[in-house]
Amino acid sequence: MRIDKYLWCIRVFKTRSIATTACKKGQIKIDAKSVKPSRDIFGGELMVIRKNQINYQIKALDLPESRVGAKLLDQFRKDVTPKEAFAKTELLKFAKDYYRKKGTGRPTKKDRRDIDDYQDEEEQDTTEDL
């Protein structure tokens, strides 16, 4: 069975064309080598799939006849991805949130006008006190 069809059958990718594109981009590796979408896959092979900044490691147990339901996936593949790969994703989320909160940064025109108005009011208050 072709690797792009296998990845579609075991529901790693939503469509077969997305699986083909991932193969062409080098996101699918077997034995540390990028594979073409037409490469045949056999039972017992270990694949490394780069998806959503995580390197999933999936072992092919058997080849399905066609696309299988989500409940039957464990018959055809075994996920051996280490837990550290998912922990790195959590750290990336925290790093992005710490770097810059949403809504901070350069002020908009309205914000700038409000700041200028506030500063003008303060200057008028200080001149009146003298």
Protein backbone atom coordinates (compact mmCIF):
# COMPACT_ATOMS: atom_id res chain seq x y z
CA MET A 1 0.00 0.00 0.00
CA ARG A 2 1.24 3.51 -0.82
CA ILE A 3 2.31 5.55 2.19
CA ASP A 4 0.04 8.50 1.37
CA LYS A 5 -2.95 6.17 1.15
CA TYR A 6 -1.94 4.43 4.39
CA LEU A 7 -1.69 7.74 6.28
CA TRP A 8 -5.13 8.70 4.98
CA CYS A 9 -6.57 5.28 5.88
CA ILE A 10 -5.36 5.45 9.48
CA ARG A 11 -6.69 9.01 9.80
CA VAL A 12 -3.41 10.85 10.28
CA PHE A 13 -4.44 13.25 7.51
CA LYS A 14 -7.93 14.33 6.55
CA THR A 15 -7.45 13.90 2.80
CA ARG A 16 -5.11 11.88 0.67
CA SER A 17 -3.87 15.00 -1.12
CA ILE A 18 -2.78 16.51 2.21
CA ALA A 19 -0.89 13.29 2.95
CA THR A 20 0.77 13.47 -0.49
CA THR A 21 1.81 17.07 0.11
CA ALA A 22 3.28 16.17 3.50
CA CYS A 23 5.35 13.43 1.86
CA LYS A 24 6.60 15.82 -0.82
CA LYS A 25 7.61 18.38 1.83
CA GLY A 26 9.69 15.78 3.68
CA GLN A 27 7.47 15.60 6.75
CA ILE A 28 7.19 11.80 6.56
CA LYS A 29 10.32 9.76 7.27
CA ILE A 30 11.06 6.07 7.43
CA ASP A 31 14.49 4.99 8.66
CA ALA A 32 15.47 8.70 8.93
CA LYS A 33 14.91 9.20 5.19
CA SER A 34 12.21 11.31 3.57
CA VAL A 35 9.85 9.23 1.49
CA LYS A 36 7.92 9.83 -1.69
CA PRO A 37 4.13 9.44 -1.62
CA SER A 38 4.35 6.37 -3.86
CA ARG A 39 6.62 4.40 -1.51
CA ASP A 40 5.09 1.14 -0.33
CA ILE A 41 4.72 0.58 3.38
CA PHE A 42 4.84 -2.78 5.08
CA GLY A 43 3.76 -3.99 8.51
CA GLY A 44 6.28 -3.42 11.29
CA GLU A 45 7.85 -0.24 9.85
CA LEU A 46 8.33 2.82 12.08
CA MET A 47 7.36 6.20 10.63
CA VAL A 48 8.19 9.66 11.94
CA ILE A 49 5.49 12.17 10.99
CA ARG A 50 6.03 15.89 11.54
CA LYS A 51 2.62 17.46 12.17
CA ASN A 52 1.72 20.56 14.23
CA GLN A 53 5.35 20.93 15.40
CA ILE A 54 5.30 17.45 16.93
CA ASN A 55 7.27 14.46 15.65
CA TYR A 56 4.79 11.60 15.92
CA GLN A 57 6.29 8.11 15.85
CA ILE A 58 3.86 5.56 14.49
CA LYS A 59 4.51 1.87 13.95
CA ALA A 60 2.50 0.21 11.18
CA LEU A 61 1.07 -3.05 12.51
CA ASP A 62 -1.09 -4.09 9.57
CA LEU A 63 -2.44 -2.65 6.32
CA PRO A 64 -6.16 -1.80 6.15
CA GLU A 65 -8.26 -2.52 3.07
CA SER A 66 -9.67 1.02 3.07
CA ARG A 67 -10.17 3.96 5.44
CA VAL A 68 -11.03 2.67 8.91
CA GLY A 69 -13.16 4.04 11.70
CA ALA A 70 -11.58 5.79 14.66
CA LYS A 71 -12.38 2.88 17.00
CA LEU A 72 -10.47 0.39 14.83
CA LEU A 73 -7.23 2.39 14.50
CA ASP A 74 -5.36 0.45 17.17
CA GLN A 75 -5.50 -2.70 15.01
CA PHE A 76 -3.46 -1.05 12.26
CA ARG A 77 -1.05 1.30 14.03
CA LYS A 78 0.71 1.80 17.33
CA ASP A 79 1.60 5.29 18.54
CA VAL A 80 5.04 5.24 20.18
CA THR A 81 5.50 9.01 20.41
CA PRO A 82 7.41 9.96 23.58
CA LYS A 83 5.58 12.14 26.12
CA GLU A 84 8.36 14.77 25.94
CA ALA A 85 7.22 15.72 22.42
CA PHE A 86 3.84 16.84 23.75
CA ALA A 87 5.46 18.64 26.70
CA LYS A 88 7.48 20.79 24.28
CA THR A 89 4.26 21.96 22.65
CA GLU A 90 2.93 23.09 26.03
CA LEU A 91 6.14 25.02 26.66
CA LEU A 92 5.81 26.72 23.27
CA LYS A 93 2.31 27.91 24.20
CA PHE A 94 3.59 29.43 27.44
CA ALA A 95 6.53 31.06 25.68
CA LYS A 96 4.27 32.72 23.13
CA ASP A 97 1.91 34.00 25.84
CA TYR A 98 4.79 35.36 27.90
CA TYR A 99 6.43 37.06 24.94
CA ARG A 100 3.50 39.34 24.15
CA LYS A 101 -0.08 39.43 25.31
CA LYS A 102 -2.80 40.03 22.76
CA GLY A 103 -3.74 43.68 22.51
CA THR A 104 -0.39 45.03 23.63
CA GLY A 105 2.00 46.75 21.30
CA ARG A 106 1.69 49.90 19.26
CA PRO A 107 -1.31 52.05 20.12
CA THR A 108 -4.03 52.60 17.57
CA LYS A 109 -5.00 56.06 16.34
CA LYS A 110 -7.84 56.18 18.85
CA ASP A 111 -5.48 55.16 21.67
CA ARG A 112 -3.01 57.85 20.61
CA ARG A 113 -5.74 60.54 20.62
CA ASP A 114 -6.87 59.43 24.08
CA ILE A 115 -3.30 59.62 25.37
CA ASP A 116 -2.81 63.09 23.86
CA ASP A 117 -6.09 64.32 25.37
CA TYR A 118 -5.07 62.96 28.77
CA GLN A 119 -1.68 64.66 28.58
CA ASP A 120 -3.29 67.96 27.53
CA GLU A 121 -5.65 67.78 30.53
CA GLU A 122 -2.71 67.19 32.90
CA GLU A 123 -0.80 70.14 31.43
CA GLN A 124 -3.83 72.41 31.89
CA ASP A 125 -4.23 71.26 35.50
CA THR A 126 -0.58 71.98 36.31
CA THR A 127 -0.67 75.45 34.72
CA GLU A 128 -3.85 76.35 36.63
CA ASP A 129 -2.21 75.37 39.94
CA LEU A 130 0.62 77.87 39.38
